[in-house]
Amino acid sequence: MKLVENTTAATDKFTTTEEKDGEDACRTRNVFQAQFDEAADAVEELNLIPPLNFSMVDNGIFRSGFPDPANFSFLQTLGLRSIIYLCPEPYPESNVQFLKSNGITLFQFGIEGNKRDNFDHDMKPLSLIFLALLGFFHLIDSYFNGPLCLFRVVVVVEPFVIIPDQKIRKALNVLLDEKNHPVLIHCKRGKHRTGCLVGCLRKLQKWCLTSIFDEYQRFAAAKARVSDQRFMEIFDVSSFSHVPMSFSCSSR
């Protein structure tokens, strides 16, 4: 009988201790959960979402795709003084209001970016005629079983946008002026037009072409254009040689 009483008492004591430990663990979990929820609410409240393809180019220079209202809180953290916009379309009213409220100057250099439309309307008739002539000569050549033509031509037509040299030069002048920093460069996707301007800056910073093309392709990926890389390759930076670049930290 005594043994049973002791066992019962021990069991009661164990149960009481177990319940207490459970309450402490539960209380600890609740504290951690409350702290996590508070941190999550703070992050959600800040809503710091960078624009598409956002990246730092150099001290005070950034690049991205077209920012929308969801990105405004993030852009405010950059303390921007100016934006270099490389599309011909008017800036949306919501973006204009954001610039005004934050004292940001907009520099617009409209460069056409719809390569498919340009190709379809301007190049397609000529290309069809040229390809028809090639087919005609190939047919005759096959009929006579010999090389009737003096030479064969293999044509690979890349629909392209002609990057206007003067607009890139004007945009580069704005970009190099430290009074405009911090500055954000953007087009629609932050790939081609933005990539060309950044590539020309890299030439001025004496990057080798391999590094310039690697950076361009990292953003353009499968959409990389040979015509863009050709433009960067032949772009003459000699007229900018007198411009100081004390902001530069990424020369190679």
C-alpha atoms as a PDB file:
ATOM      1  CA  MET A   1       0.000   0.000   0.000  1.00  0.00           C
ATOM      2  CA  LYS A   2       2.807   2.308   0.855  1.00  0.00           C
ATOM      3  CA  LEU A   3       4.571   1.407  -2.343  1.00  0.00           C
ATOM      4  CA  VAL A   4       1.496   2.342  -4.368  1.00  0.00           C
ATOM      5  CA  GLU A   5       1.210   5.679  -2.606  1.00  0.00           C
ATOM      6  CA  ASN A   6       4.845   6.509  -3.371  1.00  0.00           C
ATOM      7  CA  THR A   7       4.421   5.473  -6.987  1.00  0.00           C
ATOM      8  CA  THR A   8       1.337   7.619  -7.324  1.00  0.00           C
ATOM      9  CA  ALA A   9       3.071  10.561  -5.762  1.00  0.00           C
ATOM     10  CA  ALA A  10       6.062  10.135  -8.066  1.00  0.00           C
ATOM     11  CA  THR A  11       3.762   9.875 -11.042  1.00  0.00           C
ATOM     12  CA  ASP A  12       1.933  13.038 -10.016  1.00  0.00           C
ATOM     13  CA  LYS A  13       5.231  14.824  -9.551  1.00  0.00           C
ATOM     14  CA  PHE A  14       6.456  13.658 -12.990  1.00  0.00           C
ATOM     15  CA  THR A  15       3.222  14.695 -14.644  1.00  0.00           C
ATOM     16  CA  THR A  16       3.380  18.093 -13.014  1.00  0.00           C
ATOM     17  CA  THR A  17       7.003  18.587 -14.118  1.00  0.00           C
ATOM     18  CA  GLU A  18       6.187  17.407 -17.673  1.00  0.00           C
ATOM     19  CA  GLU A  19       3.282  19.811 -17.938  1.00  0.00           C
ATOM     20  CA  LYS A  20       5.452  22.641 -16.681  1.00  0.00           C
ATOM     21  CA  ASP A  21       8.182  21.834 -19.223  1.00  0.00           C
ATOM     22  CA  GLY A  22       5.563  21.696 -21.958  1.00  0.00           C
ATOM     23  CA  GLU A  23       4.187  25.077 -20.951  1.00  0.00           C
ATOM     24  CA  ASP A  24       7.698  26.571 -20.972  1.00  0.00           C
ATOM     25  CA  ALA A  25       8.433  25.101 -24.400  1.00  0.00           C
ATOM     26  CA  CYS A  26       5.114  26.318 -25.718  1.00  0.00           C
ATOM     27  CA  ARG A  27       5.747  29.769 -24.253  1.00  0.00           C
ATOM     28  CA  THR A  28       9.216  29.836 -25.871  1.00  0.00           C
ATOM     29  CA  ARG A  29       7.765  28.805 -29.250  1.00  0.00           C
ATOM     30  CA  ASN A  30       5.171  31.545 -28.978  1.00  0.00           C
ATOM     31  CA  VAL A  31       7.876  34.150 -28.285  1.00  0.00           C
ATOM     32  CA  PHE A  32       9.935  32.989 -31.279  1.00  0.00           C
ATOM     33  CA  GLN A  33       6.843  32.939 -33.503  1.00  0.00           C
ATOM     34  CA  ALA A  34       5.921  36.453 -32.392  1.00  0.00           C
ATOM     35  CA  GLN A  35       9.424  37.694 -33.186  1.00  0.00           C
ATOM     36  CA  PHE A  36       9.345  35.983 -36.596  1.00  0.00           C
ATOM     37  CA  ASP A  37       5.934  37.445 -37.420  1.00  0.00           C
ATOM     38  CA  GLU A  38       7.130  40.890 -36.382  1.00  0.00           C
ATOM     39  CA  ALA A  39      10.208  40.617 -38.626  1.00  0.00           C
ATOM     40  CA  ALA A  40       8.081  39.340 -41.523  1.00  0.00           C
ATOM     41  CA  ASP A  41       5.665  42.235 -41.083  1.00  0.00           C
ATOM     42  CA  ALA A  42       8.583  44.677 -41.124  1.00  0.00           C
ATOM     43  CA  VAL A  43       9.946  43.187 -44.369  1.00  0.00           C
ATOM     44  CA  GLU A  44       6.482  43.218 -45.926  1.00  0.00           C
ATOM     45  CA  GLU A  45       5.974  46.801 -44.839  1.00  0.00           C
ATOM     46  CA  LEU A  46       9.264  47.868 -46.435  1.00  0.00           C
ATOM     47  CA  ASN A  47       8.370  45.986 -49.645  1.00  0.00           C
ATOM     48  CA  LEU A  48      11.865  46.347 -51.084  1.00  0.00           C
ATOM     49  CA  ILE A  49      11.551  44.732 -54.506  1.00  0.00           C
ATOM     50  CA  PRO A  50      14.298  45.571 -57.041  1.00  0.00           C
ATOM     51  CA  PRO A  51      13.395  46.036 -60.714  1.00  0.00           C
ATOM     52  CA  LEU A  52      13.939  43.287 -63.254  1.00  0.00           C
ATOM     53  CA  ASN A  53      17.630  42.638 -64.038  1.00  0.00           C
ATOM     54  CA  PHE A  54      18.769  45.099 -61.376  1.00  0.00           C
ATOM     55  CA  SER A  55      22.505  45.269 -60.744  1.00  0.00           C
ATOM     56  CA  MET A  56      25.233  47.660 -59.640  1.00  0.00           C
ATOM     57  CA  VAL A  57      27.518  48.737 -62.490  1.00  0.00           C
ATOM     58  CA  ASP A  58      29.953  50.924 -60.580  1.00  0.00           C
ATOM     59  CA  ASN A  59      30.059  53.377 -57.689  1.00  0.00           C
ATOM     60  CA  GLY A  60      26.854  55.399 -58.020  1.00  0.00           C
ATOM     61  CA  ILE A  61      25.760  53.640 -61.249  1.00  0.00           C
ATOM     62  CA  PHE A  62      23.001  51.039 -61.454  1.00  0.00           C
ATOM     63  CA  ARG A  63      21.165  49.216 -64.269  1.00  0.00           C
ATOM     64  CA  SER A  64      17.811  47.467 -64.537  1.00  0.00           C
ATOM     65  CA  GLY A  65      14.727  46.797 -66.564  1.00  0.00           C
ATOM     66  CA  PHE A  66      11.740  49.148 -66.502  1.00  0.00           C
ATOM     67  CA  PRO A  67      10.806  49.921 -62.870  1.00  0.00           C
ATOM     68  CA  ASP A  68       7.145  49.762 -61.880  1.00  0.00           C
ATOM     69  CA  PRO A  69       5.391  51.059 -58.723  1.00  0.00           C
ATOM     70  CA  ALA A  70       6.247  47.865 -56.824  1.00  0.00           C
ATOM     71  CA  ASN A  71       9.931  48.850 -57.137  1.00  0.00           C
ATOM     72  CA  PHE A  72       9.626  52.451 -55.949  1.00  0.00           C
ATOM     73  CA  SER A  73      10.369  51.708 -52.277  1.00  0.00           C
ATOM     74  CA  PHE A  74      13.539  49.896 -53.289  1.00  0.00           C
ATOM     75  CA  LEU A  75      14.645  52.717 -55.596  1.00  0.00           C
ATOM     76  CA  GLN A  76      14.214  55.212 -52.766  1.00  0.00           C
ATOM     77  CA  THR A  77      16.942  53.411 -50.835  1.00  0.00           C
ATOM     78  CA  LEU A  78      19.425  54.191 -53.655  1.00  0.00           C
ATOM     79  CA  GLY A  79      19.074  57.959 -53.234  1.00  0.00           C
ATOM     80  CA  LEU A  80      18.948  58.440 -57.009  1.00  0.00           C
ATOM     81  CA  ARG A  81      19.628  61.835 -58.536  1.00  0.00           C
ATOM     82  CA  SER A  82      18.871  60.840 -62.111  1.00  0.00           C
ATOM     83  CA  ILE A  83      17.574  58.138 -64.432  1.00  0.00           C
ATOM     84  CA  ILE A  84      18.808  57.455 -67.971  1.00  0.00           C
ATOM     85  CA  TYR A  85      15.860  56.064 -69.920  1.00  0.00           C
ATOM     86  CA  LEU A  86      16.705  54.451 -73.278  1.00  0.00           C
ATOM     87  CA  CYS A  87      13.219  53.842 -74.742  1.00  0.00           C
ATOM     88  CA  PRO A  88      11.278  56.186 -77.073  1.00  0.00           C
ATOM     89  CA  GLU A  89       7.915  55.663 -75.326  1.00  0.00           C
ATOM     90  CA  PRO A  90       6.688  58.355 -72.889  1.00  0.00           C
ATOM     91  CA  TYR A  91       7.391  57.736 -69.226  1.00  0.00           C
ATOM     92  CA  PRO A  92       4.297  56.497 -67.360  1.00  0.00           C
ATOM     93  CA  GLU A  93       2.577  59.103 -65.179  1.00  0.00           C
ATOM     94  CA  SER A  94       3.098  57.041 -62.013  1.00  0.00           C
ATOM     95  CA  ASN A  95       6.847  56.986 -62.683  1.00  0.00           C
ATOM     96  CA  VAL A  96       6.900  60.704 -63.439  1.00  0.00           C
ATOM     97  CA  GLN A  97       5.212  61.430 -60.119  1.00  0.00           C
ATOM     98  CA  PHE A  98       7.732  59.221 -58.329  1.00  0.00           C
ATOM     99  CA  LEU A  99      10.600  61.174 -59.911  1.00  0.00           C
ATOM    100  CA  LYS A 100       9.067  64.512 -58.929  1.00  0.00           C
ATOM    101  CA  SER A 101       8.417  63.490 -55.344  1.00  0.00           C
ATOM    102  CA  ASN A 102      12.007  62.263 -54.956  1.00  0.00           C
ATOM    103  CA  GLY A 103      13.795  65.022 -56.876  1.00  0.00           C
ATOM    104  CA  ILE A 104      15.079  62.684 -59.590  1.00  0.00           C
ATOM    105  CA  THR A 105      15.972  64.069 -63.043  1.00  0.00           C
ATOM    106  CA  LEU A 106      14.959  62.050 -66.106  1.00  0.00           C
ATOM    107  CA  PHE A 107      17.263  61.902 -69.143  1.00  0.00           C
ATOM    108  CA  GLN A 108      15.539  60.192 -72.061  1.00  0.00           C
ATOM    109  CA  PHE A 109      17.390  58.937 -75.138  1.00  0.00           C
ATOM    110  CA  GLY A 110      14.828  57.105 -77.231  1.00  0.00           C
ATOM    111  CA  ILE A 111      16.281  54.078 -78.996  1.00  0.00           C
ATOM    112  CA  GLU A 112      13.932  51.792 -80.885  1.00  0.00           C
ATOM    113  CA  GLY A 113      13.937  48.272 -79.542  1.00  0.00           C
ATOM    114  CA  ASN A 114      11.363  46.324 -81.583  1.00  0.00           C
ATOM    115  CA  LYS A 115      13.708  44.428 -83.838  1.00  0.00           C
ATOM    116  CA  ARG A 116      11.012  42.185 -85.309  1.00  0.00           C
ATOM    117  CA  ASP A 117       8.822  45.026 -86.573  1.00  0.00           C
ATOM    118  CA  ASN A 118      11.819  46.842 -88.045  1.00  0.00           C
ATOM    119  CA  PHE A 119      12.871  43.687 -89.850  1.00  0.00           C
ATOM    120  CA  ASP A 120       9.400  42.805 -91.108  1.00  0.00           C
ATOM    121  CA  HIS A 121       8.623  46.253 -92.548  1.00  0.00           C
ATOM    122  CA  ASP A 122      12.037  47.383 -93.793  1.00  0.00           C
ATOM    123  CA  MET A 123      14.052  44.261 -94.581  1.00  0.00           C
ATOM    124  CA  LYS A 124      11.557  41.573 -95.474  1.00  0.00           C
ATOM    125  CA  PRO A 125      10.780  42.625 -99.108  1.00  0.00           C
ATOM    126  CA  LEU A 126      14.461  42.949 -99.989  1.00  0.00           C
ATOM    127  CA  SER A 127      15.391  39.724 -98.237  1.00  0.00           C
ATOM    128  CA  LEU A 128      12.662  37.793-100.066  1.00  0.00           C
ATOM    129  CA  ILE A 129      13.877  39.048-103.440  1.00  0.00           C
ATOM    130  CA  PHE A 130      17.469  38.219-102.566  1.00  0.00           C
ATOM    131  CA  LEU A 131      16.596  34.732-101.345  1.00  0.00           C
ATOM    132  CA  ALA A 132      14.500  34.131-104.487  1.00  0.00           C
ATOM    133  CA  LEU A 133      17.514  34.999-106.655  1.00  0.00           C
ATOM    134  CA  LEU A 134      19.696  32.654-104.636  1.00  0.00           C
ATOM    135  CA  GLY A 135      17.138  29.897-105.123  1.00  0.00           C
ATOM    136  CA  PHE A 136      17.058  30.531-108.865  1.00  0.00           C
ATOM    137  CA  PHE A 137      20.853  30.262-109.184  1.00  0.00           C
ATOM    138  CA  HIS A 138      20.877  27.163-106.991  1.00  0.00           C
ATOM    139  CA  LEU A 139      18.263  25.548-109.254  1.00  0.00           C
ATOM    140  CA  ILE A 140      20.345  26.225-112.381  1.00  0.00           C
ATOM    141  CA  ASP A 141      23.478  25.033-110.630  1.00  0.00           C
ATOM    142  CA  SER A 142      21.765  21.771-109.660  1.00  0.00           C
ATOM    143  CA  TYR A 143      20.424  21.284-113.207  1.00  0.00           C
ATOM    144  CA  PHE A 144      23.900  21.472-114.747  1.00  0.00           C
ATOM    145  CA  ASN A 145      25.447  19.448-111.885  1.00  0.00           C
ATOM    146  CA  GLY A 146      28.275  21.932-111.505  1.00  0.00           C
ATOM    147  CA  PRO A 147      29.334  25.188-109.903  1.00  0.00           C
ATOM    148  CA  LEU A 148      27.698  27.565-112.367  1.00  0.00           C
ATOM    149  CA  CYS A 149      28.005  30.514-109.991  1.00  0.00           C
ATOM    150  CA  LEU A 150      31.411  32.041-109.391  1.00  0.00           C
ATOM    151  CA  PHE A 151      30.820  31.848-105.665  1.00  0.00           C
ATOM    152  CA  ARG A 152      28.246  30.607-103.249  1.00  0.00           C
ATOM    153  CA  VAL A 153      26.743  32.837-100.608  1.00  0.00           C
ATOM    154  CA  VAL A 154      25.437  31.659 -97.284  1.00  0.00           C
ATOM    155  CA  VAL A 155      23.193  34.258 -95.726  1.00  0.00           C
ATOM    156  CA  VAL A 156      22.326  34.422 -92.082  1.00  0.00           C
ATOM    157  CA  VAL A 157      20.043  37.382 -91.539  1.00  0.00           C
ATOM    158  CA  GLU A 158      19.781  38.616 -87.943  1.00  0.00           C
ATOM    159  CA  PRO A 159      16.852  40.952 -87.310  1.00  0.00           C
ATOM    160  CA  PHE A 160      18.573  43.869 -85.643  1.00  0.00           C
ATOM    161  CA  VAL A 161      18.169  47.322 -84.227  1.00  0.00           C
ATOM    162  CA  ILE A 162      20.557  49.949 -85.475  1.00  0.00           C
ATOM    163  CA  ILE A 163      21.948  51.454 -82.283  1.00  0.00           C
ATOM    164  CA  PRO A 164      22.232  55.235 -82.848  1.00  0.00           C
ATOM    165  CA  ASP A 165      25.806  56.211 -82.075  1.00  0.00           C
ATOM    166  CA  GLN A 166      25.024  59.836 -81.207  1.00  0.00           C
ATOM    167  CA  LYS A 167      22.345  58.948 -78.670  1.00  0.00           C
ATOM    168  CA  ILE A 168      24.677  56.532 -76.935  1.00  0.00           C
ATOM    169  CA  ARG A 169      27.329  59.266 -76.828  1.00  0.00           C
ATOM    170  CA  LYS A 170      24.905  61.758 -75.290  1.00  0.00           C
ATOM    171  CA  ALA A 171      23.748  59.192 -72.754  1.00  0.00           C
ATOM    172  CA  LEU A 172      27.375  58.378 -71.954  1.00  0.00           C
ATOM    173  CA  ASN A 173      28.096  62.059 -71.310  1.00  0.00           C
ATOM    174  CA  VAL A 174      25.261  62.139 -68.780  1.00  0.00           C
ATOM    175  CA  LEU A 175      26.464  58.890 -67.246  1.00  0.00           C
ATOM    176  CA  LEU A 176      30.022  60.145 -66.785  1.00  0.00           C
ATOM    177  CA  ASP A 177      28.950  63.348 -65.035  1.00  0.00           C
ATOM    178  CA  GLU A 178      29.216  62.647 -61.311  1.00  0.00           C
ATOM    179  CA  LYS A 179      26.692  65.412 -60.612  1.00  0.00           C
ATOM    180  CA  ASN A 180      24.069  62.980 -61.917  1.00  0.00           C
ATOM    181  CA  HIS A 181      25.090  60.176 -59.542  1.00  0.00           C
ATOM    182  CA  PRO A 182      23.611  58.006 -58.182  1.00  0.00           C
ATOM    183  CA  VAL A 183      22.075  57.176 -61.562  1.00  0.00           C
ATOM    184  CA  LEU A 184      19.951  54.305 -62.849  1.00  0.00           C
ATOM    185  CA  ILE A 185      20.172  53.177 -66.494  1.00  0.00           C
ATOM    186  CA  HIS A 186      17.207  51.283 -67.837  1.00  0.00           C
ATOM    187  CA  CYS A 187      15.343  50.330 -70.985  1.00  0.00           C
ATOM    188  CA  LYS A 188      12.475  47.837 -71.118  1.00  0.00           C
ATOM    189  CA  ARG A 189      14.166  44.608 -70.006  1.00  0.00           C
ATOM    190  CA  GLY A 190      17.591  45.912 -69.064  1.00  0.00           C
ATOM    191  CA  LYS A 191      19.244  43.721 -71.694  1.00  0.00           C
ATOM    192  CA  HIS A 192      20.105  45.175 -75.105  1.00  0.00           C
ATOM    193  CA  ARG A 193      19.999  48.983 -75.055  1.00  0.00           C
ATOM    194  CA  THR A 194      21.136  49.143 -71.448  1.00  0.00           C
ATOM    195  CA  GLY A 195      23.768  46.509 -72.217  1.00  0.00           C
ATOM    196  CA  CYS A 196      25.155  48.561 -75.113  1.00  0.00           C
ATOM    197  CA  LEU A 197      25.499  51.706 -73.006  1.00  0.00           C
ATOM    198  CA  VAL A 198      27.162  49.798 -70.175  1.00  0.00           C
ATOM    199  CA  GLY A 199      29.433  48.069 -72.699  1.00  0.00           C
ATOM    200  CA  CYS A 200      30.601  51.428 -74.059  1.00  0.00           C
ATOM    201  CA  LEU A 201      31.310  52.564 -70.499  1.00  0.00           C
ATOM    202  CA  ARG A 202      33.380  49.415 -69.993  1.00  0.00           C
ATOM    203  CA  LYS A 203      35.434  50.232 -73.096  1.00  0.00           C
ATOM    204  CA  LEU A 204      36.184  53.623 -71.577  1.00  0.00           C
ATOM    205  CA  GLN A 205      37.213  51.800 -68.408  1.00  0.00           C
ATOM    206  CA  LYS A 206      39.607  49.755 -70.567  1.00  0.00           C
ATOM    207  CA  TRP A 207      37.872  46.416 -70.121  1.00  0.00           C
ATOM    208  CA  CYS A 208      38.856  43.804 -72.693  1.00  0.00           C
ATOM    209  CA  LEU A 209      36.183  42.832 -75.219  1.00  0.00           C
ATOM    210  CA  THR A 210      35.864  39.344 -73.750  1.00  0.00           C
ATOM    211  CA  SER A 211      34.868  40.767 -70.366  1.00  0.00           C
ATOM    212  CA  ILE A 212      32.524  43.300 -71.975  1.00  0.00           C
ATOM    213  CA  PHE A 213      30.755  40.590 -73.971  1.00  0.00           C
ATOM    214  CA  ASP A 214      30.580  38.281 -70.952  1.00  0.00           C
ATOM    215  CA  GLU A 215      28.781  40.967 -68.955  1.00  0.00           C
ATOM    216  CA  TYR A 216      26.439  41.766 -71.852  1.00  0.00           C
ATOM    217  CA  GLN A 217      25.576  38.093 -72.351  1.00  0.00           C
ATOM    218  CA  ARG A 218      24.981  37.551 -68.640  1.00  0.00           C
ATOM    219  CA  PHE A 219      21.985  39.887 -68.854  1.00  0.00           C
ATOM    220  CA  ALA A 220      20.890  39.208 -72.449  1.00  0.00           C
ATOM    221  CA  ALA A 221      21.303  35.409 -72.123  1.00  0.00           C
ATOM    222  CA  ALA A 222      19.607  33.630 -75.044  1.00  0.00           C
ATOM    223  CA  LYS A 223      18.507  37.025 -76.433  1.00  0.00           C
ATOM    224  CA  ALA A 224      22.077  38.239 -77.038  1.00  0.00           C
ATOM    225  CA  ARG A 225      22.499  40.028 -80.377  1.00  0.00           C
ATOM    226  CA  VAL A 226      25.567  39.916 -82.565  1.00  0.00           C
ATOM    227  CA  SER A 227      24.721  43.421 -83.827  1.00  0.00           C
ATOM    228  CA  ASP A 228      24.869  44.819 -80.273  1.00  0.00           C
ATOM    229  CA  GLN A 229      28.268  43.256 -79.683  1.00  0.00           C
ATOM    230  CA  ARG A 230      29.510  44.531 -83.026  1.00  0.00           C
ATOM    231  CA  PHE A 231      28.368  48.038 -82.058  1.00  0.00           C
ATOM    232  CA  MET A 232      30.285  47.879 -78.776  1.00  0.00           C
ATOM    233  CA  GLU A 233      33.341  46.510 -80.542  1.00  0.00           C
ATOM    234  CA  ILE A 234      33.622  49.380 -83.045  1.00  0.00           C
ATOM    235  CA  PHE A 235      32.436  52.149 -80.691  1.00  0.00           C
ATOM    236  CA  ASP A 236      35.158  54.820 -80.561  1.00  0.00           C
ATOM    237  CA  VAL A 237      35.766  56.103 -77.019  1.00  0.00           C
ATOM    238  CA  SER A 238      38.700  58.380 -77.929  1.00  0.00           C
ATOM    239  CA  SER A 239      36.536  61.505 -77.655  1.00  0.00           C
ATOM    240  CA  PHE A 240      35.901  60.664 -73.979  1.00  0.00           C
ATOM    241  CA  SER A 241      39.544  60.125 -73.061  1.00  0.00           C
ATOM    242  CA  HIS A 242      39.739  63.512 -71.311  1.00  0.00           C
ATOM    243  CA  VAL A 243      36.837  62.717 -68.989  1.00  0.00           C
ATOM    244  CA  PRO A 244      37.954  61.885 -65.420  1.00  0.00           C
ATOM    245  CA  MET A 245      36.380  58.798 -63.862  1.00  0.00           C
ATOM    246  CA  SER A 246      37.204  59.095 -60.199  1.00  0.00           C
ATOM    247  CA  PHE A 247      34.024  57.126 -59.423  1.00  0.00           C
ATOM    248  CA  SER A 248      35.286  54.036 -61.228  1.00  0.00           C
ATOM    249  CA  CYS A 249      36.161  51.018 -59.123  1.00  0.00           C
ATOM    250  CA  SER A 250      35.881  48.319 -61.758  1.00  0.00           C
ATOM    251  CA  SER A 251      38.506  48.924 -64.441  1.00  0.00           C
ATOM    252  CA  ARG A 252      40.133  45.757 -65.760  1.00  0.00           C
END
